[in-house]
Amino acid sequence: MERVGAWSKLILISIAIVVVWFFLFGIRLIGYFSAINEKGLRATECGTQGCSDAVFFLSTAWTFSFFIVIPLIIPLVLVIYWSLKKKSS
């Protein structure tokens, strides 16, 4: 019975992280994807002046990490890690 409680707590915390992420960053990502659809990825990232391939790559990587990796993936991985660590202890 305690295992079910641990899993339900893990699922509830994960859902809370996803909901908070959506309201803080996900709505902005919808606008970002809309701009990509209208102008294209390179024009959205580089603007009207354009940029080199290295700047384009770094800009895309920064955007991906700022909107998805840091606020969504890292907290989910930490919650799963801590829950598994508690179970093994």
PDB file of N, CA and C in Angstrom:
ATOM      1  N   MET A   1       0.816  -1.191   0.000  1.00  0.00           N
ATOM      2  CA  MET A   1       0.000   0.000   0.000  1.00  0.00           C
ATOM      3  C   MET A   1       0.866   1.263   0.000  1.00  0.00           C
ATOM      4  N   GLU A   2       1.999   1.174   0.668  1.00  0.00           N
ATOM      5  CA  GLU A   2       2.876   2.342   0.721  1.00  0.00           C
ATOM      6  C   GLU A   2       3.483   2.638  -0.643  1.00  0.00           C
ATOM      7  N   ARG A   3       3.689   1.596  -1.453  1.00  0.00           N
ATOM      8  CA  ARG A   3       4.223   1.785  -2.804  1.00  0.00           C
ATOM      9  C   ARG A   3       3.263   2.587  -3.666  1.00  0.00           C
ATOM     10  N   VAL A   4       1.971   2.333  -3.504  1.00  0.00           N
ATOM     11  CA  VAL A   4       0.963   3.067  -4.269  1.00  0.00           C
ATOM     12  C   VAL A   4       0.982   4.532  -3.864  1.00  0.00           C
ATOM     13  N   GLY A   5       1.140   4.813  -2.604  1.00  0.00           N
ATOM     14  CA  GLY A   5       1.216   6.191  -2.123  1.00  0.00           C
ATOM     15  C   GLY A   5       2.428   6.921  -2.670  1.00  0.00           C
ATOM     16  N   ALA A   6       3.559   6.228  -2.749  1.00  0.00           N
ATOM     17  CA  ALA A   6       4.774   6.846  -3.289  1.00  0.00           C
ATOM     18  C   ALA A   6       4.611   7.143  -4.776  1.00  0.00           C
ATOM     19  N   TRP A   7       4.022   6.191  -5.502  1.00  0.00           N
ATOM     20  CA  TRP A   7       3.815   6.417  -6.937  1.00  0.00           C
ATOM     21  C   TRP A   7       2.815   7.531  -7.185  1.00  0.00           C
ATOM     22  N   SER A   8       1.753   7.581  -6.394  1.00  0.00           N
ATOM     23  CA  SER A   8       0.760   8.644  -6.588  1.00  0.00           C
ATOM     24  C   SER A   8       1.353  10.011  -6.247  1.00  0.00           C
ATOM     25  N   LYS A   9       2.201  10.065  -5.233  1.00  0.00           N
ATOM     26  CA  LYS A   9       2.871  11.325  -4.884  1.00  0.00           C
ATOM     27  C   LYS A   9       3.804  11.752  -6.016  1.00  0.00           C
ATOM     28  N   LEU A  10       4.541  10.816  -6.587  1.00  0.00           N
ATOM     29  CA  LEU A  10       5.427  11.107  -7.716  1.00  0.00           C
ATOM     30  C   LEU A  10       4.635  11.631  -8.909  1.00  0.00           C
ATOM     31  N   ILE A  11       3.523  11.000  -9.195  1.00  0.00           N
ATOM     32  CA  ILE A  11       2.698  11.413 -10.333  1.00  0.00           C
ATOM     33  C   ILE A  11       2.091  12.791 -10.089  1.00  0.00           C
ATOM     34  N   LEU A  12       1.615  13.055  -8.887  1.00  0.00           N
ATOM     35  CA  LEU A  12       1.032  14.359  -8.573  1.00  0.00           C
ATOM     36  C   LEU A  12       2.070  15.482  -8.658  1.00  0.00           C
ATOM     37  N   ILE A  13       3.258  15.241  -8.153  1.00  0.00           N
ATOM     38  CA  ILE A  13       4.320  16.249  -8.232  1.00  0.00           C
ATOM     39  C   ILE A  13       4.717  16.484  -9.687  1.00  0.00           C
ATOM     40  N   SER A  14       4.804  15.417 -10.471  1.00  0.00           N
ATOM     41  CA  SER A  14       5.151  15.558 -11.890  1.00  0.00           C
ATOM     42  C   SER A  14       4.077  16.339 -12.639  1.00  0.00           C
ATOM     43  N   ILE A  15       2.824  16.070 -12.356  1.00  0.00           N
ATOM     44  CA  ILE A  15       1.727  16.811 -12.999  1.00  0.00           C
ATOM     45  C   ILE A  15       1.784  18.279 -12.592  1.00  0.00           C
ATOM     46  N   ALA A  16       2.069  18.548 -11.337  1.00  0.00           N
ATOM     47  CA  ALA A  16       2.171  19.941 -10.877  1.00  0.00           C
ATOM     48  C   ALA A  16       3.311  20.670 -11.591  1.00  0.00           C
ATOM     49  N   ILE A  17       4.445  20.000 -11.767  1.00  0.00           N
ATOM     50  CA  ILE A  17       5.570  20.603 -12.485  1.00  0.00           C
ATOM     51  C   ILE A  17       5.183  20.919 -13.921  1.00  0.00           C
ATOM     52  N   VAL A  18       4.507  19.998 -14.588  1.00  0.00           N
ATOM     53  CA  VAL A  18       4.108  20.218 -15.972  1.00  0.00           C
ATOM     54  C   VAL A  18       3.086  21.350 -16.078  1.00  0.00           C
ATOM     55  N   VAL A  19       2.144  21.422 -15.157  1.00  0.00           N
ATOM     56  CA  VAL A  19       1.130  22.486 -15.199  1.00  0.00           C
ATOM     57  C   VAL A  19       1.773  23.849 -14.967  1.00  0.00           C
ATOM     58  N   VAL A  20       2.641  23.948 -13.972  1.00  0.00           N
ATOM     59  CA  VAL A  20       3.327  25.220 -13.713  1.00  0.00           C
ATOM     60  C   VAL A  20       4.189  25.593 -14.905  1.00  0.00           C
ATOM     61  N   TRP A  21       4.920  24.628 -15.478  1.00  0.00           N
ATOM     62  CA  TRP A  21       5.733  24.899 -16.658  1.00  0.00           C
ATOM     63  C   TRP A  21       4.873  25.412 -17.800  1.00  0.00           C
ATOM     64  N   PHE A  22       3.715  24.788 -18.020  1.00  0.00           N
ATOM     65  CA  PHE A  22       2.864  25.209 -19.123  1.00  0.00           C
ATOM     66  C   PHE A  22       2.415  26.655 -18.963  1.00  0.00           C
ATOM     67  N   PHE A  23       1.995  27.027 -17.760  1.00  0.00           N
ATOM     68  CA  PHE A  23       1.512  28.386 -17.569  1.00  0.00           C
ATOM     69  C   PHE A  23       2.636  29.418 -17.590  1.00  0.00           C
ATOM     70  N   LEU A  24       3.846  29.041 -17.178  1.00  0.00           N
ATOM     71  CA  LEU A  24       4.955  29.989 -17.194  1.00  0.00           C
ATOM     72  C   LEU A  24       5.681  30.035 -18.542  1.00  0.00           C
ATOM     73  N   PHE A  25       5.848  28.887 -19.194  1.00  0.00           N
ATOM     74  CA  PHE A  25       6.649  28.829 -20.409  1.00  0.00           C
ATOM     75  C   PHE A  25       5.909  28.260 -21.613  1.00  0.00           C
ATOM     76  N   GLY A  26       4.992  27.354 -21.391  1.00  0.00           N
ATOM     77  CA  GLY A  26       4.322  26.678 -22.501  1.00  0.00           C
ATOM     78  C   GLY A  26       3.493  27.608 -23.361  1.00  0.00           C
ATOM     79  N   ILE A  27       2.847  28.572 -22.732  1.00  0.00           N
ATOM     80  CA  ILE A  27       2.037  29.515 -23.495  1.00  0.00           C
ATOM     81  C   ILE A  27       2.932  30.373 -24.379  1.00  0.00           C
ATOM     82  N   ARG A  28       4.091  30.759 -23.872  1.00  0.00           N
ATOM     83  CA  ARG A  28       5.049  31.514 -24.691  1.00  0.00           C
ATOM     84  C   ARG A  28       5.577  30.662 -25.835  1.00  0.00           C
ATOM     85  N   LEU A  29       5.739  29.373 -25.593  1.00  0.00           N
ATOM     86  CA  LEU A  29       6.208  28.488 -26.663  1.00  0.00           C
ATOM     87  C   LEU A  29       5.193  28.380 -27.791  1.00  0.00           C
ATOM     88  N   ILE A  30       3.916  28.483 -27.469  1.00  0.00           N
ATOM     89  CA  ILE A  30       2.888  28.455 -28.510  1.00  0.00           C
ATOM     90  C   ILE A  30       3.093  29.634 -29.454  1.00  0.00           C
ATOM     91  N   GLY A  31       3.344  30.821 -28.910  1.00  0.00           N
ATOM     92  CA  GLY A  31       3.636  31.990 -29.739  1.00  0.00           C
ATOM     93  C   GLY A  31       4.919  31.835 -30.522  1.00  0.00           C
ATOM     94  N   TYR A  32       5.927  31.222 -29.905  1.00  0.00           N
ATOM     95  CA  TYR A  32       7.206  30.987 -30.582  1.00  0.00           C
ATOM     96  C   TYR A  32       7.023  30.046 -31.770  1.00  0.00           C
ATOM     97  N   PHE A  33       6.268  28.965 -31.571  1.00  0.00           N
ATOM     98  CA  PHE A  33       6.021  28.037 -32.671  1.00  0.00           C
ATOM     99  C   PHE A  33       5.164  28.668 -33.758  1.00  0.00           C
ATOM    100  N   SER A  34       4.274  29.566 -33.375  1.00  0.00           N
ATOM    101  CA  SER A  34       3.475  30.298 -34.350  1.00  0.00           C
ATOM    102  C   SER A  34       4.378  31.194 -35.206  1.00  0.00           C
ATOM    103  N   ALA A  35       5.330  31.859 -34.575  1.00  0.00           N
ATOM    104  CA  ALA A  35       6.276  32.697 -35.320  1.00  0.00           C
ATOM    105  C   ALA A  35       7.151  31.853 -36.240  1.00  0.00           C
ATOM    106  N   ILE A  36       7.538  30.680 -35.785  1.00  0.00           N
ATOM    107  CA  ILE A  36       8.320  29.780 -36.642  1.00  0.00           C
ATOM    108  C   ILE A  36       7.493  29.356 -37.843  1.00  0.00           C
ATOM    109  N   ASN A  37       6.216  29.089 -37.620  1.00  0.00           N
ATOM    110  CA  ASN A  37       5.335  28.683 -38.710  1.00  0.00           C
ATOM    111  C   ASN A  37       5.164  29.808 -39.731  1.00  0.00           C
ATOM    112  N   GLU A  38       5.088  31.045 -39.271  1.00  0.00           N
ATOM    113  CA  GLU A  38       4.894  32.173 -40.174  1.00  0.00           C
ATOM    114  C   GLU A  38       6.170  32.565 -40.910  1.00  0.00           C
ATOM    115  N   LYS A  39       7.287  32.685 -40.173  1.00  0.00           N
ATOM    116  CA  LYS A  39       8.519  33.221 -40.758  1.00  0.00           C
ATOM    117  C   LYS A  39       9.577  32.167 -41.058  1.00  0.00           C
ATOM    118  N   GLY A  40       9.527  31.054 -40.386  1.00  0.00           N
ATOM    119  CA  GLY A  40      10.581  30.055 -40.501  1.00  0.00           C
ATOM    120  C   GLY A  40      11.489  30.114 -39.285  1.00  0.00           C
ATOM    121  N   LEU A  41      12.199  29.029 -39.019  1.00  0.00           N
ATOM    122  CA  LEU A  41      13.032  28.940 -37.824  1.00  0.00           C
ATOM    123  C   LEU A  41      14.193  29.922 -37.872  1.00  0.00           C
ATOM    124  N   ARG A  42      14.886  29.990 -38.995  1.00  0.00           N
ATOM    125  CA  ARG A  42      16.062  30.863 -39.073  1.00  0.00           C
ATOM    126  C   ARG A  42      15.671  32.334 -38.931  1.00  0.00           C
ATOM    127  N   ALA A  43      14.595  32.749 -39.573  1.00  0.00           N
ATOM    128  CA  ALA A  43      14.164  34.147 -39.474  1.00  0.00           C
ATOM    129  C   ALA A  43      13.672  34.470 -38.068  1.00  0.00           C
ATOM    130  N   THR A  44      13.067  33.512 -37.401  1.00  0.00           N
ATOM    131  CA  THR A  44      12.603  33.740 -36.033  1.00  0.00           C
ATOM    132  C   THR A  44      13.783  33.870 -35.080  1.00  0.00           C
ATOM    133  N   GLU A  45      14.774  33.025 -35.226  1.00  0.00           N
ATOM    134  CA  GLU A  45      15.929  33.056 -34.333  1.00  0.00           C
ATOM    135  C   GLU A  45      16.872  34.222 -34.627  1.00  0.00           C
ATOM    136  N   CYS A  46      17.108  34.507 -35.902  1.00  0.00           N
ATOM    137  CA  CYS A  46      18.114  35.504 -36.267  1.00  0.00           C
ATOM    138  C   CYS A  46      17.543  36.897 -36.476  1.00  0.00           C
ATOM    139  N   GLY A  47      16.264  37.014 -36.723  1.00  0.00           N
ATOM    140  CA  GLY A  47      15.676  38.321 -36.972  1.00  0.00           C
ATOM    141  C   GLY A  47      15.861  38.742 -38.419  1.00  0.00           C
ATOM    142  N   THR A  48      15.630  40.015 -38.696  1.00  0.00           N
ATOM    143  CA  THR A  48      15.687  40.503 -40.078  1.00  0.00           C
ATOM    144  C   THR A  48      17.105  40.675 -40.579  1.00  0.00           C
ATOM    145  N   GLN A  49      18.087  40.817 -39.693  1.00  0.00           N
ATOM    146  CA  GLN A  49      19.479  41.035 -40.107  1.00  0.00           C
ATOM    147  C   GLN A  49      20.178  39.739 -40.520  1.00  0.00           C
ATOM    148  N   GLY A  50      19.668  38.605 -40.095  1.00  0.00           N
ATOM    149  CA  GLY A  50      20.320  37.335 -40.377  1.00  0.00           C
ATOM    150  C   GLY A  50      21.454  37.083 -39.399  1.00  0.00           C
ATOM    151  N   CYS A  51      22.035  35.894 -39.457  1.00  0.00           N
ATOM    152  CA  CYS A  51      23.151  35.563 -38.574  1.00  0.00           C
ATOM    153  C   CYS A  51      23.929  34.395 -39.176  1.00  0.00           C
ATOM    154  N   SER A  52      25.096  34.143 -38.611  1.00  0.00           N
ATOM    155  CA  SER A  52      25.924  33.037 -39.087  1.00  0.00           C
ATOM    156  C   SER A  52      25.348  31.715 -38.590  1.00  0.00           C
ATOM    157  N   ASP A  53      25.882  30.627 -39.133  1.00  0.00           N
ATOM    158  CA  ASP A  53      25.415  29.304 -38.721  1.00  0.00           C
ATOM    159  C   ASP A  53      25.698  29.030 -37.250  1.00  0.00           C
ATOM    160  N   ALA A  54      26.859  29.480 -36.751  1.00  0.00           N
ATOM    161  CA  ALA A  54      27.201  29.250 -35.346  1.00  0.00           C
ATOM    162  C   ALA A  54      26.241  30.002 -34.423  1.00  0.00           C
ATOM    163  N   VAL A  55      25.951  31.253 -34.751  1.00  0.00           N
ATOM    164  CA  VAL A  55      25.030  32.035 -33.930  1.00  0.00           C
ATOM    165  C   VAL A  55      23.635  31.430 -33.989  1.00  0.00           C
ATOM    166  N   PHE A  56      23.229  30.966 -35.156  1.00  0.00           N
ATOM    167  CA  PHE A  56      21.922  30.322 -35.295  1.00  0.00           C
ATOM    168  C   PHE A  56      21.836  29.069 -34.430  1.00  0.00           C
ATOM    169  N   PHE A  57      22.881  28.239 -34.479  1.00  0.00           N
ATOM    170  CA  PHE A  57      22.900  27.014 -33.677  1.00  0.00           C
ATOM    171  C   PHE A  57      22.864  27.334 -32.181  1.00  0.00           C
ATOM    172  N   LEU A  58      23.704  28.282 -31.752  1.00  0.00           N
ATOM    173  CA  LEU A  58      23.748  28.630 -30.329  1.00  0.00           C
ATOM    174  C   LEU A  58      22.441  29.270 -29.867  1.00  0.00           C
ATOM    175  N   SER A  59      21.844  30.071 -30.723  1.00  0.00           N
ATOM    176  CA  SER A  59      20.565  30.700 -30.388  1.00  0.00           C
ATOM    177  C   SER A  59      19.470  29.642 -30.231  1.00  0.00           C
ATOM    178  N   THR A  60      19.445  28.687 -31.128  1.00  0.00           N
ATOM    179  CA  THR A  60      18.454  27.613 -31.060  1.00  0.00           C
ATOM    180  C   THR A  60      18.681  26.760 -29.812  1.00  0.00           C
ATOM    181  N   ALA A  61      19.930  26.434 -29.515  1.00  0.00           N
ATOM    182  CA  ALA A  61      20.245  25.636 -28.322  1.00  0.00           C
ATOM    183  C   ALA A  61      19.868  26.395 -27.050  1.00  0.00           C
ATOM    184  N   TRP A  62      20.144  27.693 -26.999  1.00  0.00           N
ATOM    185  CA  TRP A  62      19.791  28.486 -25.832  1.00  0.00           C
ATOM    186  C   TRP A  62      18.278  28.524 -25.650  1.00  0.00           C
ATOM    187  N   THR A  63      17.538  28.739 -26.724  1.00  0.00           N
ATOM    188  CA  THR A  63      16.081  28.790 -26.642  1.00  0.00           C
ATOM    189  C   THR A  63      15.527  27.461 -26.152  1.00  0.00           C
ATOM    190  N   PHE A  64      16.026  26.352 -26.701  1.00  0.00           N
ATOM    191  CA  PHE A  64      15.577  25.026 -26.284  1.00  0.00           C
ATOM    192  C   PHE A  64      15.873  24.789 -24.806  1.00  0.00           C
ATOM    193  N   SER A  65      17.087  25.135 -24.380  1.00  0.00           N
ATOM    194  CA  SER A  65      17.438  24.883 -22.975  1.00  0.00           C
ATOM    195  C   SER A  65      16.678  25.812 -22.038  1.00  0.00           C
ATOM    196  N   PHE A  66      16.464  27.073 -22.435  1.00  0.00           N
ATOM    197  CA  PHE A  66      15.776  28.027 -21.566  1.00  0.00           C
ATOM    198  C   PHE A  66      14.300  27.696 -21.401  1.00  0.00           C
ATOM    199  N   PHE A  67      13.648  27.225 -22.459  1.00  0.00           N
ATOM    200  CA  PHE A  67      12.212  26.978 -22.396  1.00  0.00           C
ATOM    201  C   PHE A  67      11.848  25.542 -22.028  1.00  0.00           C
ATOM    202  N   ILE A  68      12.712  24.570 -22.310  1.00  0.00           N
ATOM    203  CA  ILE A  68      12.325  23.176 -22.090  1.00  0.00           C
ATOM    204  C   ILE A  68      13.234  22.454 -21.093  1.00  0.00           C
ATOM    205  N   VAL A  69      14.533  22.511 -21.281  1.00  0.00           N
ATOM    206  CA  VAL A  69      15.441  21.708 -20.457  1.00  0.00           C
ATOM    207  C   VAL A  69      15.466  22.192 -19.012  1.00  0.00           C
ATOM    208  N   ILE A  70      15.736  23.479 -18.811  1.00  0.00           N
ATOM    209  CA  ILE A  70      15.905  23.990 -17.443  1.00  0.00           C
ATOM    210  C   ILE A  70      14.598  23.967 -16.653  1.00  0.00           C
ATOM    211  N   PRO A  71      13.487  24.501 -17.182  1.00  0.00           N
ATOM    212  CA  PRO A  71      12.290  24.535 -16.337  1.00  0.00           C
ATOM    213  C   PRO A  71      11.439  23.270 -16.339  1.00  0.00           C
ATOM    214  N   LEU A  72      11.639  22.350 -17.295  1.00  0.00           N
ATOM    215  CA  LEU A  72      10.768  21.174 -17.362  1.00  0.00           C
ATOM    216  C   LEU A  72      11.526  19.874 -17.151  1.00  0.00           C
ATOM    217  N   ILE A  73      12.547  19.628 -17.923  1.00  0.00           N
ATOM    218  CA  ILE A  73      13.223  18.324 -17.890  1.00  0.00           C
ATOM    219  C   ILE A  73      14.022  18.143 -16.593  1.00  0.00           C
ATOM    220  N   ILE A  74      14.792  19.148 -16.201  1.00  0.00           N
ATOM    221  CA  ILE A  74      15.607  19.013 -14.988  1.00  0.00           C
ATOM    222  C   ILE A  74      14.742  18.784 -13.745  1.00  0.00           C
ATOM    223  N   PRO A  75      13.661  19.566 -13.519  1.00  0.00           N
ATOM    224  CA  PRO A  75      12.829  19.264 -12.336  1.00  0.00           C
ATOM    225  C   PRO A  75      12.191  17.878 -12.379  1.00  0.00           C
ATOM    226  N   LEU A  76      11.735  17.436 -13.547  1.00  0.00           N
ATOM    227  CA  LEU A  76      11.149  16.093 -13.630  1.00  0.00           C
ATOM    228  C   LEU A  76      12.176  15.013 -13.329  1.00  0.00           C
ATOM    229  N   VAL A  77      13.378  15.161 -13.854  1.00  0.00           N
ATOM    230  CA  VAL A  77      14.434  14.175 -13.598  1.00  0.00           C
ATOM    231  C   VAL A  77      14.800  14.163 -12.118  1.00  0.00           C
ATOM    232  N   LEU A  78      14.875  15.347 -11.499  1.00  0.00           N
ATOM    233  CA  LEU A  78      15.208  15.401 -10.070  1.00  0.00           C
ATOM    234  C   LEU A  78      14.126  14.765  -9.210  1.00  0.00           C
ATOM    235  N   VAL A  79      12.871  14.996  -9.539  1.00  0.00           N
ATOM    236  CA  VAL A  79      11.775  14.388  -8.767  1.00  0.00           C
ATOM    237  C   VAL A  79      11.818  12.864  -8.895  1.00  0.00           C
ATOM    238  N   ILE A  80      12.028  12.373 -10.095  1.00  0.00           N
ATOM    239  CA  ILE A  80      12.108  10.919 -10.293  1.00  0.00           C
ATOM    240  C   ILE A  80      13.324  10.350  -9.573  1.00  0.00           C
ATOM    241  N   TYR A  81      14.458  11.033  -9.654  1.00  0.00           N
ATOM    242  CA  TYR A  81      15.671  10.567  -8.982  1.00  0.00           C
ATOM    243  C   TYR A  81      15.467  10.501  -7.466  1.00  0.00           C
ATOM    244  N   TRP A  82      14.900  11.576  -6.880  1.00  0.00           N
ATOM    245  CA  TRP A  82      14.695  11.592  -5.436  1.00  0.00           C
ATOM    246  C   TRP A  82      13.695  10.538  -4.993  1.00  0.00           C
ATOM    247  N   SER A  83      12.671  10.299  -5.797  1.00  0.00           N
ATOM    248  CA  SER A  83      11.697   9.266  -5.407  1.00  0.00           C
ATOM    249  C   SER A  83      12.314   7.874  -5.480  1.00  0.00           C
ATOM    250  N   LEU A  84      13.135   7.625  -6.485  1.00  0.00           N
ATOM    251  CA  LEU A  84      13.812   6.331  -6.573  1.00  0.00           C
ATOM    252  C   LEU A  84      14.861   6.184  -5.480  1.00  0.00           C
ATOM    253  N   LYS A  85      15.516   7.263  -5.117  1.00  0.00           N
ATOM    254  CA  LYS A  85      16.518   7.226  -4.064  1.00  0.00           C
ATOM    255  C   LYS A  85      15.858   6.919  -2.715  1.00  0.00           C
ATOM    256  N   LYS A  86      14.694   7.483  -2.456  1.00  0.00           N
ATOM    257  CA  LYS A  86      13.971   7.211  -1.212  1.00  0.00           C
ATOM    258  C   LYS A  86      13.523   5.766  -1.145  1.00  0.00           C
ATOM    259  N   LYS A  87      13.096   5.221  -2.290  1.00  0.00           N
ATOM    260  CA  LYS A  87      12.630   3.829  -2.295  1.00  0.00           C
ATOM    261  C   LYS A  87      13.745   2.856  -2.015  1.00  0.00           C
ATOM    262  N   SER A  88      14.958   3.142  -2.520  1.00  0.00           N
ATOM    263  CA  SER A  88      16.053   2.209  -2.323  1.00  0.00           C
ATOM    264  C   SER A  88      16.641   2.309  -0.903  1.00  0.00           C
ATOM    265  N   SER A  89      16.406   3.417  -0.231  1.00  0.00           N
ATOM    266  CA  SER A  89      16.953   3.594   1.133  1.00  0.00           C
ATOM    267  C   SER A  89      16.209   2.778   2.156  1.00  0.00           C
TER     268      SER A  89
END
